[in-house]
Protein backbone atom coordinates (compact mmCIF):
# COMPACT_ATOMS: atom_id res chain seq x y z
CA UNK A 1 -13.47 9.42 -1.50
CA UNK A 2 -13.71 10.41 1.98
CA UNK A 3 -16.18 7.92 2.87
CA UNK A 4 -14.00 5.14 1.58
CA UNK A 5 -10.86 6.41 3.55
CA UNK A 6 -12.68 7.66 6.71
CA UNK A 7 -11.52 10.26 8.95
CA UNK A 8 -8.09 10.46 10.21
CA UNK A 9 -7.74 10.61 14.09
CA UNK A 10 -5.31 13.27 14.87
CA UNK A 11 -3.79 11.25 17.68
CA UNK A 12 -2.13 8.84 15.03
CA UNK A 13 0.08 11.76 14.05
CA UNK A 14 1.50 12.04 17.61
CA UNK A 15 1.38 8.74 19.02
CA UNK A 16 4.90 6.91 18.84
CA UNK A 17 5.55 3.62 17.25
CA UNK A 18 7.35 1.36 19.20
CA UNK A 19 7.17 -1.72 17.18
CA UNK A 20 6.43 -1.08 13.56
CA UNK A 21 4.72 -4.12 11.94
CA UNK A 22 6.49 -4.07 8.73
CA UNK A 23 9.50 -4.81 10.53
CA UNK A 24 8.36 -8.43 11.40
CA UNK A 25 5.35 -9.05 9.20
CA UNK A 26 5.13 -9.35 5.45
CA UNK A 27 4.28 -6.21 3.59
CA UNK A 28 2.65 -5.74 0.27
CA UNK A 29 2.16 -2.61 -1.80
CA UNK A 30 1.03 -1.17 -5.00
CA UNK A 31 2.74 1.40 -7.13
CA UNK A 32 0.33 3.52 -9.56
CA UNK A 33 2.77 3.95 -12.32
CA UNK A 34 0.98 7.09 -13.33
CA UNK A 35 0.90 8.57 -10.23
CA UNK A 36 1.11 12.20 -10.10
CA UNK A 37 0.70 12.86 -6.36
CA UNK A 38 3.29 10.58 -4.88
CA UNK A 39 5.97 9.94 -7.66
CA UNK A 40 6.50 6.35 -8.37
CA UNK A 41 10.32 6.69 -7.91
CA UNK A 42 9.77 7.74 -4.31
CA UNK A 43 7.18 5.00 -3.70
CA UNK A 44 9.58 2.43 -4.93
CA UNK A 45 12.26 3.73 -2.65
CA UNK A 46 10.12 3.67 0.32
CA UNK A 47 8.92 0.05 -0.49
CA UNK A 48 12.44 -1.10 -0.83
CA UNK A 49 13.63 0.16 2.40
CA UNK A 50 10.65 -1.92 4.06
CA UNK A 51 11.23 -4.91 2.09
CA UNK A 52 7.77 -4.85 0.56
CA UNK A 53 6.32 -7.08 -2.07
CA UNK A 54 5.47 -4.74 -4.83
CA UNK A 55 3.09 -4.90 -7.62
CA UNK A 56 3.02 -1.90 -10.12
CA UNK A 57 -0.28 -1.35 -11.88
CA UNK A 58 -0.48 1.20 -14.85
CA UNK A 59 -2.84 3.91 -13.11
CA UNK A 60 -3.22 7.17 -11.35
CA UNK A 61 -3.22 8.01 -7.78
CA UNK A 62 -6.49 6.50 -6.99
CA UNK A 63 -5.70 3.01 -8.25
CA UNK A 64 -8.42 1.52 -6.06
CA UNK A 65 -11.02 3.34 -8.23
CA UNK A 66 -9.73 2.97 -11.64
CA UNK A 67 -8.09 -0.45 -11.30
CA UNK A 68 -10.46 -2.16 -8.40
CA UNK A 69 -9.90 -5.77 -10.08
CA UNK A 70 -5.90 -5.35 -9.91
CA UNK A 71 -6.14 -4.15 -6.38
CA UNK A 72 -8.47 -7.00 -5.58
CA UNK A 73 -5.96 -9.48 -6.81
CA UNK A 74 -3.11 -7.96 -5.07
CA UNK A 75 -5.04 -8.57 -1.68
CA UNK A 76 -5.96 -11.82 -2.58
CA UNK A 77 -2.25 -13.05 -3.53
CA UNK A 78 -0.97 -11.47 -0.41
CA UNK A 79 -3.66 -13.29 1.56
CA UNK A 80 -2.56 -16.52 -0.02
CA UNK A 81 1.13 -16.02 0.60
CA UNK A 82 0.71 -15.14 4.26
CA UNK A 83 -1.62 -18.11 4.84
CA UNK A 84 0.36 -20.65 3.01
CA UNK A 85 -2.25 -21.59 0.53
């Protein structure tokens, strides 16, 4: 899992965000409906506040591991929507 996510740079936690991309660009997210680490209800509220297009997938926290095709389809659909294709 570490290799796929990469190391976190500590600076990202202290650098101020002056213009959050989600305010002006379309955003897309996946909710793993069986997630026990981040409750789906919390995810729904966060995504709603940021006007994110949400896809729900019946999976646990590591949805990209258990449902890679579903995740790939969300990425492909998002790319099509923002490119106008």
